[in-house]
Amino acid sequence: MLKLRYYGDPILRRRAMDVQAFDAALRDLASQMLEAMEREEGVGLAAPQVGLDLRLLVALAMREPGDESAEPVVMVNPEILERSPETWVYEEGCLSIPGVRGDVTRPERVRVHYQDLDGTGHTIDADGMFGRILQHEIDHLNGKLFIDYLSTADKLLLKARLRSIAKLNDE
């Protein structure tokens, strides 16, 4: 069973390595990540969040918050090609930073290129919640966390909470 990594774990601050092998092991890993995302009641999960140095993410293709009919998507080696100039603010949280939420400004729409589990390339336009989820998870693959978007004042207020979250990695 895959175990979550929390704020303070160095893997969350590194750019993940490209996936090279599109094989049964990758499909099994994606399946385990989908199970972990569901178990943790998340809407997205990037491989570094479970200690894996790979550019792999799973996400729910939600149209809006609480879209329980959203289908899960697996993306290998995703990259954002374009970002819309229009932005929107929404309160985000993260499985790797439990109990912390904050308003994050992100582009309304993104164009993302990725590979599926067979290595076939795809390009999609994503907006709404799905676009936001993809931006959040791709940030993870680049070593960036949603708290990096918060104001200096907000980060100072979170300092003690973040220190306590980092201790979860030792459990």
N, C-alpha and C. Protein backbone atom coordinates (compact mmCIF):
# COMPACT_ATOMS: atom_id res chain seq x y z
N MET A 1 0.85 -1.18 0.00
CA MET A 1 0.00 0.00 0.00
C MET A 1 0.89 1.24 0.00
N LEU A 2 0.60 2.15 -0.90
CA LEU A 2 1.38 3.38 -1.01
C LEU A 2 1.12 4.28 0.20
N LYS A 3 2.18 4.89 0.70
CA LYS A 3 2.11 5.74 1.88
C LYS A 3 2.34 7.19 1.48
N LEU A 4 1.48 8.08 1.98
CA LEU A 4 1.63 9.51 1.68
C LEU A 4 2.89 10.09 2.29
N ARG A 5 3.49 11.02 1.56
CA ARG A 5 4.60 11.82 2.08
C ARG A 5 4.04 13.20 2.38
N TYR A 6 4.59 13.80 3.42
CA TYR A 6 4.06 15.07 3.89
C TYR A 6 5.06 16.21 3.73
N TYR A 7 4.52 17.43 3.84
CA TYR A 7 5.34 18.63 3.80
C TYR A 7 6.62 18.39 4.59
N GLY A 8 7.73 18.81 4.01
CA GLY A 8 9.02 18.61 4.67
C GLY A 8 9.82 17.46 4.07
N ASP A 9 9.14 16.52 3.43
CA ASP A 9 9.85 15.42 2.76
C ASP A 9 10.52 16.00 1.52
N PRO A 10 11.84 15.81 1.37
CA PRO A 10 12.56 16.41 0.23
C PRO A 10 12.04 16.03 -1.15
N ILE A 11 11.40 14.86 -1.29
CA ILE A 11 10.92 14.45 -2.62
C ILE A 11 9.83 15.40 -3.13
N LEU A 12 9.15 16.09 -2.22
CA LEU A 12 8.09 17.01 -2.63
C LEU A 12 8.65 18.31 -3.22
N ARG A 13 9.95 18.51 -3.11
CA ARG A 13 10.58 19.75 -3.61
C ARG A 13 11.50 19.51 -4.80
N ARG A 14 11.48 18.32 -5.37
CA ARG A 14 12.32 18.01 -6.53
C ARG A 14 11.47 17.86 -7.78
N ARG A 15 12.07 18.22 -8.92
CA ARG A 15 11.42 17.92 -10.21
C ARG A 15 11.51 16.42 -10.42
N ALA A 16 10.37 15.80 -10.64
CA ALA A 16 10.32 14.35 -10.84
C ALA A 16 10.92 13.97 -12.19
N MET A 17 11.40 12.74 -12.26
CA MET A 17 12.03 12.20 -13.47
C MET A 17 10.97 11.73 -14.45
N ASP A 18 11.27 11.89 -15.74
CA ASP A 18 10.37 11.40 -16.78
C ASP A 18 10.23 9.89 -16.69
N VAL A 19 9.02 9.41 -16.96
CA VAL A 19 8.77 7.97 -17.06
C VAL A 19 9.33 7.51 -18.39
N GLN A 20 10.10 6.44 -18.36
CA GLN A 20 10.70 5.88 -19.58
C GLN A 20 10.04 4.57 -20.00
N ALA A 21 9.62 3.77 -19.01
CA ALA A 21 9.10 2.43 -19.30
C ALA A 21 7.58 2.41 -19.18
N PHE A 22 6.92 2.09 -20.28
CA PHE A 22 5.47 1.97 -20.31
C PHE A 22 5.14 0.49 -20.30
N ASP A 23 5.02 -0.06 -19.10
CA ASP A 23 4.90 -1.50 -18.95
C ASP A 23 3.88 -1.86 -17.87
N ALA A 24 3.80 -3.13 -17.53
CA ALA A 24 2.84 -3.60 -16.53
C ALA A 24 3.12 -2.97 -15.17
N ALA A 25 4.38 -2.74 -14.84
CA ALA A 25 4.71 -2.12 -13.55
C ALA A 25 4.14 -0.71 -13.46
N LEU A 26 4.17 0.04 -14.57
CA LEU A 26 3.61 1.39 -14.58
C LEU A 26 2.09 1.33 -14.42
N ARG A 27 1.45 0.40 -15.11
CA ARG A 27 0.00 0.26 -14.99
C ARG A 27 -0.39 -0.11 -13.55
N ASP A 28 0.39 -0.99 -12.94
CA ASP A 28 0.13 -1.39 -11.55
C ASP A 28 0.30 -0.20 -10.61
N LEU A 29 1.34 0.58 -10.84
CA LEU A 29 1.59 1.76 -10.01
C LEU A 29 0.44 2.76 -10.14
N ALA A 30 -0.02 3.00 -11.37
CA ALA A 30 -1.14 3.92 -11.58
C ALA A 30 -2.38 3.43 -10.85
N SER A 31 -2.63 2.13 -10.89
CA SER A 31 -3.77 1.54 -10.19
C SER A 31 -3.64 1.75 -8.68
N GLN A 32 -2.45 1.54 -8.15
CA GLN A 32 -2.22 1.76 -6.71
C GLN A 32 -2.40 3.23 -6.34
N MET A 33 -1.97 4.13 -7.23
CA MET A 33 -2.15 5.56 -6.96
C MET A 33 -3.63 5.94 -6.97
N LEU A 34 -4.41 5.38 -7.89
CA LEU A 34 -5.85 5.64 -7.91
C LEU A 34 -6.49 5.15 -6.62
N GLU A 35 -6.08 3.97 -6.14
CA GLU A 35 -6.60 3.45 -4.88
C GLU A 35 -6.23 4.37 -3.72
N ALA A 36 -4.99 4.84 -3.70
CA ALA A 36 -4.54 5.74 -2.62
C ALA A 36 -5.31 7.05 -2.66
N MET A 37 -5.53 7.60 -3.85
CA MET A 37 -6.28 8.85 -3.98
C MET A 37 -7.69 8.66 -3.42
N GLU A 38 -8.31 7.56 -3.77
CA GLU A 38 -9.66 7.28 -3.29
C GLU A 38 -9.68 7.07 -1.78
N ARG A 39 -8.72 6.29 -1.28
CA ARG A 39 -8.63 6.01 0.16
C ARG A 39 -8.47 7.30 0.96
N GLU A 40 -7.66 8.22 0.44
CA GLU A 40 -7.38 9.48 1.14
C GLU A 40 -8.42 10.56 0.83
N GLU A 41 -9.42 10.20 0.00
CA GLU A 41 -10.50 11.11 -0.39
C GLU A 41 -9.97 12.37 -1.08
N GLY A 42 -8.98 12.16 -1.95
CA GLY A 42 -8.42 13.26 -2.72
C GLY A 42 -9.05 13.35 -4.10
N VAL A 43 -8.73 14.44 -4.80
CA VAL A 43 -9.21 14.62 -6.17
C VAL A 43 -8.05 14.53 -7.16
N GLY A 44 -6.85 14.40 -6.64
CA GLY A 44 -5.66 14.25 -7.47
C GLY A 44 -4.52 13.76 -6.60
N LEU A 45 -3.53 13.12 -7.24
CA LEU A 45 -2.37 12.61 -6.53
C LEU A 45 -1.21 12.49 -7.51
N ALA A 46 -0.08 13.05 -7.13
CA ALA A 46 1.13 12.96 -7.95
C ALA A 46 2.09 11.96 -7.33
N ALA A 47 2.87 11.29 -8.17
CA ALA A 47 3.77 10.24 -7.70
C ALA A 47 4.70 10.69 -6.56
N PRO A 48 5.27 11.90 -6.57
CA PRO A 48 6.11 12.29 -5.45
C PRO A 48 5.38 12.28 -4.10
N GLN A 49 4.08 12.45 -4.12
CA GLN A 49 3.30 12.44 -2.88
C GLN A 49 3.26 11.07 -2.22
N VAL A 50 3.62 10.03 -2.98
CA VAL A 50 3.72 8.69 -2.41
C VAL A 50 5.16 8.19 -2.51
N GLY A 51 6.10 9.14 -2.58
CA GLY A 51 7.51 8.83 -2.50
C GLY A 51 8.16 8.34 -3.78
N LEU A 52 7.51 8.56 -4.92
CA LEU A 52 8.04 8.06 -6.19
C LEU A 52 8.53 9.21 -7.06
N ASP A 53 9.75 9.11 -7.51
CA ASP A 53 10.38 10.15 -8.32
C ASP A 53 10.04 9.95 -9.80
N LEU A 54 8.75 10.09 -10.11
CA LEU A 54 8.26 9.86 -11.47
C LEU A 54 7.24 10.93 -11.85
N ARG A 55 7.22 11.29 -13.13
CA ARG A 55 6.24 12.26 -13.64
C ARG A 55 4.96 11.49 -14.01
N LEU A 56 4.20 11.19 -12.98
CA LEU A 56 2.96 10.42 -13.11
C LEU A 56 1.95 11.03 -12.15
N LEU A 57 0.72 11.23 -12.64
CA LEU A 57 -0.34 11.73 -11.77
C LEU A 57 -1.64 11.04 -12.09
N VAL A 58 -2.51 11.04 -11.09
CA VAL A 58 -3.89 10.60 -11.27
C VAL A 58 -4.77 11.75 -10.79
N ALA A 59 -5.93 11.91 -11.42
CA ALA A 59 -6.81 13.02 -11.07
C ALA A 59 -8.24 12.70 -11.47
N LEU A 60 -9.17 13.35 -10.81
CA LEU A 60 -10.57 13.26 -11.20
C LEU A 60 -10.87 14.39 -12.16
N ALA A 61 -11.50 14.08 -13.28
CA ALA A 61 -11.84 15.08 -14.30
C ALA A 61 -13.12 15.81 -13.89
N MET A 62 -13.05 16.53 -12.77
CA MET A 62 -14.21 17.23 -12.20
C MET A 62 -14.53 18.48 -12.99
N ARG A 63 -15.80 18.68 -13.27
CA ARG A 63 -16.24 19.92 -13.91
C ARG A 63 -16.37 21.04 -12.89
N GLU A 64 -16.82 20.66 -11.68
CA GLU A 64 -17.01 21.65 -10.62
C GLU A 64 -16.75 20.96 -9.28
N PRO A 65 -16.58 21.73 -8.20
CA PRO A 65 -16.34 21.11 -6.89
C PRO A 65 -17.45 20.13 -6.52
N GLY A 66 -17.05 19.00 -5.97
CA GLY A 66 -18.02 18.01 -5.54
C GLY A 66 -18.61 17.15 -6.63
N ASP A 67 -18.07 17.22 -7.84
CA ASP A 67 -18.55 16.44 -8.98
C ASP A 67 -18.20 14.96 -8.74
N GLU A 68 -19.14 14.24 -8.13
CA GLU A 68 -18.88 12.86 -7.74
C GLU A 68 -18.95 11.88 -8.91
N SER A 69 -19.42 12.34 -10.06
CA SER A 69 -19.48 11.46 -11.23
C SER A 69 -18.21 11.56 -12.07
N ALA A 70 -17.24 12.36 -11.61
CA ALA A 70 -16.01 12.59 -12.38
C ALA A 70 -15.23 11.30 -12.56
N GLU A 71 -14.76 11.11 -13.78
CA GLU A 71 -13.95 9.94 -14.12
C GLU A 71 -12.49 10.18 -13.74
N PRO A 72 -11.78 9.14 -13.29
CA PRO A 72 -10.36 9.29 -13.02
C PRO A 72 -9.54 9.28 -14.31
N VAL A 73 -8.46 10.04 -14.30
CA VAL A 73 -7.56 10.15 -15.44
C VAL A 73 -6.14 9.86 -14.95
N VAL A 74 -5.37 9.16 -15.77
CA VAL A 74 -3.96 8.91 -15.47
C VAL A 74 -3.14 9.65 -16.53
N MET A 75 -2.16 10.43 -16.08
CA MET A 75 -1.30 11.17 -17.00
C MET A 75 0.16 10.87 -16.70
N VAL A 76 0.88 10.53 -17.75
CA VAL A 76 2.31 10.24 -17.65
C VAL A 76 3.07 11.37 -18.35
N ASN A 77 4.10 11.87 -17.70
CA ASN A 77 4.96 12.94 -18.24
C ASN A 77 4.15 14.16 -18.71
N PRO A 78 3.19 14.63 -17.89
CA PRO A 78 2.39 15.78 -18.33
C PRO A 78 3.18 17.08 -18.28
N GLU A 79 2.88 17.95 -19.22
CA GLU A 79 3.49 19.29 -19.26
C GLU A 79 2.42 20.29 -19.67
N ILE A 80 2.42 21.45 -19.04
CA ILE A 80 1.50 22.50 -19.43
C ILE A 80 2.11 23.25 -20.61
N LEU A 81 1.38 23.29 -21.73
CA LEU A 81 1.84 23.96 -22.94
C LEU A 81 1.41 25.41 -22.98
N GLU A 82 0.17 25.67 -22.52
CA GLU A 82 -0.38 27.04 -22.55
C GLU A 82 -1.22 27.27 -21.31
N ARG A 83 -1.22 28.53 -20.87
CA ARG A 83 -2.06 28.97 -19.75
C ARG A 83 -2.87 30.17 -20.22
N SER A 84 -4.16 30.22 -19.86
CA SER A 84 -4.98 31.37 -20.24
C SER A 84 -4.56 32.59 -19.43
N PRO A 85 -4.74 33.78 -20.00
CA PRO A 85 -4.43 34.99 -19.22
C PRO A 85 -5.47 35.23 -18.12
N GLU A 86 -6.70 34.70 -18.31
CA GLU A 86 -7.73 34.87 -17.29
C GLU A 86 -7.41 33.95 -16.11
N THR A 87 -7.62 34.47 -14.91
CA THR A 87 -7.34 33.68 -13.71
C THR A 87 -8.57 33.63 -12.82
N TRP A 88 -8.51 32.73 -11.83
CA TRP A 88 -9.54 32.67 -10.80
C TRP A 88 -8.93 32.19 -9.51
N VAL A 89 -9.54 32.63 -8.43
CA VAL A 89 -9.06 32.30 -7.09
C VAL A 89 -9.97 31.23 -6.50
N TYR A 90 -9.35 30.23 -5.87
CA TYR A 90 -10.12 29.17 -5.24
C TYR A 90 -9.31 28.64 -4.07
N GLU A 91 -9.99 28.23 -3.03
CA GLU A 91 -9.31 27.70 -1.85
C GLU A 91 -8.86 26.26 -2.12
N GLU A 92 -7.55 26.04 -2.02
CA GLU A 92 -6.99 24.71 -2.26
C GLU A 92 -6.48 24.10 -0.96
N GLY A 93 -6.38 22.79 -1.00
CA GLY A 93 -5.76 22.02 0.06
C GLY A 93 -4.90 20.97 -0.60
N CYS A 94 -4.27 20.12 0.19
CA CYS A 94 -3.36 19.12 -0.37
C CYS A 94 -3.25 17.94 0.59
N LEU A 95 -3.28 16.73 0.04
CA LEU A 95 -3.13 15.54 0.87
C LEU A 95 -1.80 15.52 1.60
N SER A 96 -0.78 16.14 1.04
CA SER A 96 0.55 16.17 1.67
C SER A 96 0.71 17.30 2.68
N ILE A 97 -0.32 18.14 2.81
CA ILE A 97 -0.30 19.23 3.78
C ILE A 97 -1.66 19.24 4.49
N PRO A 98 -1.95 18.18 5.26
CA PRO A 98 -3.29 18.03 5.83
C PRO A 98 -3.67 19.17 6.77
N GLY A 99 -4.94 19.57 6.66
CA GLY A 99 -5.47 20.59 7.55
C GLY A 99 -5.13 22.02 7.17
N VAL A 100 -4.40 22.20 6.07
CA VAL A 100 -4.03 23.55 5.63
C VAL A 100 -4.76 23.84 4.32
N ARG A 101 -5.35 25.03 4.26
CA ARG A 101 -6.03 25.46 3.04
C ARG A 101 -5.65 26.90 2.79
N GLY A 102 -5.74 27.31 1.54
CA GLY A 102 -5.44 28.70 1.22
C GLY A 102 -5.92 29.06 -0.17
N ASP A 103 -6.22 30.35 -0.35
CA ASP A 103 -6.67 30.85 -1.64
C ASP A 103 -5.49 30.93 -2.61
N VAL A 104 -5.67 30.30 -3.77
CA VAL A 104 -4.62 30.27 -4.80
C VAL A 104 -5.21 30.81 -6.10
N THR A 105 -4.46 31.71 -6.73
CA THR A 105 -4.85 32.24 -8.04
C THR A 105 -4.17 31.41 -9.12
N ARG A 106 -4.96 30.88 -10.04
CA ARG A 106 -4.43 30.07 -11.14
C ARG A 106 -5.13 30.47 -12.44
N PRO A 107 -4.50 30.17 -13.58
CA PRO A 107 -5.18 30.39 -14.87
C PRO A 107 -6.48 29.59 -14.93
N GLU A 108 -7.46 30.15 -15.61
CA GLU A 108 -8.76 29.47 -15.76
C GLU A 108 -8.65 28.22 -16.62
N ARG A 109 -7.78 28.28 -17.65
CA ARG A 109 -7.65 27.17 -18.60
C ARG A 109 -6.18 26.87 -18.85
N VAL A 110 -5.92 25.60 -19.11
CA VAL A 110 -4.57 25.17 -19.50
C VAL A 110 -4.66 24.17 -20.63
N ARG A 111 -3.64 24.15 -21.46
CA ARG A 111 -3.48 23.10 -22.47
C ARG A 111 -2.35 22.21 -21.98
N VAL A 112 -2.63 20.91 -21.87
CA VAL A 112 -1.68 19.96 -21.29
C VAL A 112 -1.38 18.86 -22.29
N HIS A 113 -0.09 18.57 -22.45
CA HIS A 113 0.33 17.41 -23.23
C HIS A 113 0.77 16.34 -22.25
N TYR A 114 0.37 15.11 -22.50
CA TYR A 114 0.75 13.99 -21.63
C TYR A 114 0.75 12.70 -22.45
N GLN A 115 1.24 11.65 -21.82
CA GLN A 115 1.18 10.32 -22.42
C GLN A 115 0.25 9.46 -21.58
N ASP A 116 -0.40 8.51 -22.24
CA ASP A 116 -1.22 7.56 -21.49
C ASP A 116 -0.33 6.39 -21.05
N LEU A 117 -0.93 5.37 -20.47
CA LEU A 117 -0.14 4.26 -19.92
C LEU A 117 0.52 3.40 -20.99
N ASP A 118 0.13 3.61 -22.25
CA ASP A 118 0.78 2.89 -23.36
C ASP A 118 1.87 3.73 -24.01
N GLY A 119 2.00 5.00 -23.57
CA GLY A 119 3.01 5.88 -24.14
C GLY A 119 2.50 6.75 -25.27
N THR A 120 1.22 6.64 -25.59
CA THR A 120 0.63 7.45 -26.65
C THR A 120 0.44 8.88 -26.16
N GLY A 121 0.82 9.85 -26.99
CA GLY A 121 0.70 11.25 -26.62
C GLY A 121 -0.69 11.80 -26.86
N HIS A 122 -1.11 12.70 -25.97
CA HIS A 122 -2.40 13.37 -26.07
C HIS A 122 -2.23 14.83 -25.66
N THR A 123 -3.04 15.70 -26.22
CA THR A 123 -3.08 17.09 -25.80
C THR A 123 -4.53 17.43 -25.51
N ILE A 124 -4.78 18.01 -24.33
CA ILE A 124 -6.15 18.38 -23.95
C ILE A 124 -6.18 19.81 -23.45
N ASP A 125 -7.35 20.41 -23.55
CA ASP A 125 -7.61 21.70 -22.92
C ASP A 125 -8.46 21.41 -21.69
N ALA A 126 -8.04 21.93 -20.56
CA ALA A 126 -8.76 21.69 -19.31
C ALA A 126 -9.07 23.01 -18.65
N ASP A 127 -10.32 23.14 -18.19
CA ASP A 127 -10.71 24.35 -17.47
C ASP A 127 -11.49 23.95 -16.23
N GLY A 128 -12.01 24.94 -15.52
CA GLY A 128 -12.77 24.65 -14.31
C GLY A 128 -11.93 23.90 -13.29
N MET A 129 -12.61 23.06 -12.53
CA MET A 129 -11.92 22.32 -11.46
C MET A 129 -10.86 21.37 -12.04
N PHE A 130 -11.15 20.75 -13.17
CA PHE A 130 -10.18 19.82 -13.74
C PHE A 130 -8.89 20.55 -14.10
N GLY A 131 -9.02 21.72 -14.70
CA GLY A 131 -7.83 22.52 -15.02
C GLY A 131 -7.04 22.87 -13.77
N ARG A 132 -7.75 23.24 -12.72
CA ARG A 132 -7.09 23.58 -11.45
C ARG A 132 -6.39 22.36 -10.85
N ILE A 133 -7.07 21.23 -10.83
CA ILE A 133 -6.48 20.01 -10.27
C ILE A 133 -5.22 19.65 -11.04
N LEU A 134 -5.27 19.72 -12.37
CA LEU A 134 -4.09 19.39 -13.16
C LEU A 134 -2.93 20.33 -12.86
N GLN A 135 -3.21 21.63 -12.73
CA GLN A 135 -2.14 22.57 -12.42
C GLN A 135 -1.52 22.25 -11.06
N HIS A 136 -2.35 21.92 -10.08
CA HIS A 136 -1.88 21.59 -8.73
C HIS A 136 -0.99 20.34 -8.78
N GLU A 137 -1.44 19.31 -9.49
CA GLU A 137 -0.68 18.05 -9.53
C GLU A 137 0.60 18.19 -10.36
N ILE A 138 0.54 18.93 -11.46
CA ILE A 138 1.75 19.14 -12.27
C ILE A 138 2.76 19.97 -11.47
N ASP A 139 2.26 20.91 -10.66
CA ASP A 139 3.17 21.63 -9.76
C ASP A 139 3.93 20.64 -8.88
N HIS A 140 3.23 19.63 -8.35
CA HIS A 140 3.90 18.61 -7.53
C HIS A 140 5.05 17.96 -8.30
N LEU A 141 4.82 17.69 -9.57
CA LEU A 141 5.85 17.03 -10.38
C LEU A 141 7.05 17.94 -10.62
N ASN A 142 6.84 19.24 -10.41
CA ASN A 142 7.92 20.22 -10.58
C ASN A 142 8.49 20.70 -9.25
N GLY A 143 8.09 20.06 -8.15
CA GLY A 143 8.62 20.42 -6.84
C GLY A 143 7.99 21.65 -6.22
N LYS A 144 6.79 22.00 -6.67
CA LYS A 144 6.11 23.19 -6.16
C LYS A 144 4.85 22.78 -5.40
N LEU A 145 4.55 23.49 -4.31
CA LEU A 145 3.38 23.21 -3.49
C LEU A 145 2.43 24.40 -3.51
N PHE A 146 1.16 24.15 -3.25
CA PHE A 146 0.18 25.25 -3.32
C PHE A 146 0.51 26.35 -2.32
N ILE A 147 1.14 26.03 -1.22
CA ILE A 147 1.47 27.06 -0.23
C ILE A 147 2.50 28.06 -0.76
N ASP A 148 3.22 27.68 -1.82
CA ASP A 148 4.18 28.61 -2.43
C ASP A 148 3.48 29.82 -3.03
N TYR A 149 2.20 29.70 -3.32
CA TYR A 149 1.42 30.79 -3.91
C TYR A 149 0.84 31.74 -2.84
N LEU A 150 0.93 31.36 -1.58
CA LEU A 150 0.34 32.17 -0.52
C LEU A 150 1.22 33.38 -0.21
N SER A 151 0.60 34.38 0.40
CA SER A 151 1.35 35.59 0.78
C SER A 151 2.35 35.27 1.89
N THR A 152 3.34 36.13 2.02
CA THR A 152 4.34 35.97 3.08
C THR A 152 3.67 35.94 4.45
N ALA A 153 2.69 36.80 4.63
CA ALA A 153 1.97 36.85 5.91
C ALA A 153 1.25 35.53 6.20
N ASP A 154 0.58 34.98 5.18
CA ASP A 154 -0.12 33.71 5.36
C ASP A 154 0.87 32.59 5.67
N LYS A 155 2.02 32.60 5.00
CA LYS A 155 3.04 31.57 5.26
C LYS A 155 3.55 31.66 6.69
N LEU A 156 3.74 32.88 7.19
CA LEU A 156 4.20 33.05 8.58
C LEU A 156 3.18 32.49 9.56
N LEU A 157 1.91 32.70 9.27
CA LEU A 157 0.86 32.18 10.14
C LEU A 157 0.83 30.65 10.14
N LEU A 158 1.28 30.04 9.07
CA LEU A 158 1.26 28.58 8.93
C LEU A 158 2.52 27.90 9.47
N LYS A 159 3.53 28.66 9.81
CA LYS A 159 4.85 28.10 10.14
C LYS A 159 4.79 26.96 11.17
N ALA A 160 4.12 27.19 12.29
CA ALA A 160 4.05 26.16 13.34
C ALA A 160 3.30 24.93 12.84
N ARG A 161 2.21 25.15 12.12
CA ARG A 161 1.42 24.02 11.60
C ARG A 161 2.26 23.19 10.62
N LEU A 162 3.01 23.87 9.76
CA LEU A 162 3.85 23.15 8.79
C LEU A 162 4.94 22.34 9.50
N ARG A 163 5.50 22.89 10.58
CA ARG A 163 6.51 22.13 11.34
C ARG A 163 5.91 20.85 11.90
N SER A 164 4.67 20.94 12.40
CA SER A 164 4.05 19.74 12.97
C SER A 164 3.71 18.73 11.86
N ILE A 165 3.33 19.21 10.68
CA ILE A 165 3.04 18.30 9.56
C ILE A 165 4.31 17.57 9.13
N ALA A 166 5.44 18.26 9.11
CA ALA A 166 6.71 17.65 8.69
C ALA A 166 7.06 16.46 9.59
N LYS A 167 6.64 16.49 10.85
CA LYS A 167 6.93 15.39 11.78
C LYS A 167 6.17 14.11 11.40
N LEU A 168 5.10 14.24 10.61
CA LEU A 168 4.34 13.07 10.18
C LEU A 168 5.19 12.13 9.32
N ASN A 169 6.22 12.68 8.65
CA ASN A 169 7.09 11.84 7.82
C ASN A 169 7.89 10.84 8.65
N ASP A 170 8.04 11.12 9.96
CA ASP A 170 8.82 10.24 10.83
C ASP A 170 8.00 9.08 11.39
N GLU A 171 6.67 9.17 11.21
CA GLU A 171 5.80 8.13 11.78
C GLU A 171 5.77 6.88 10.95
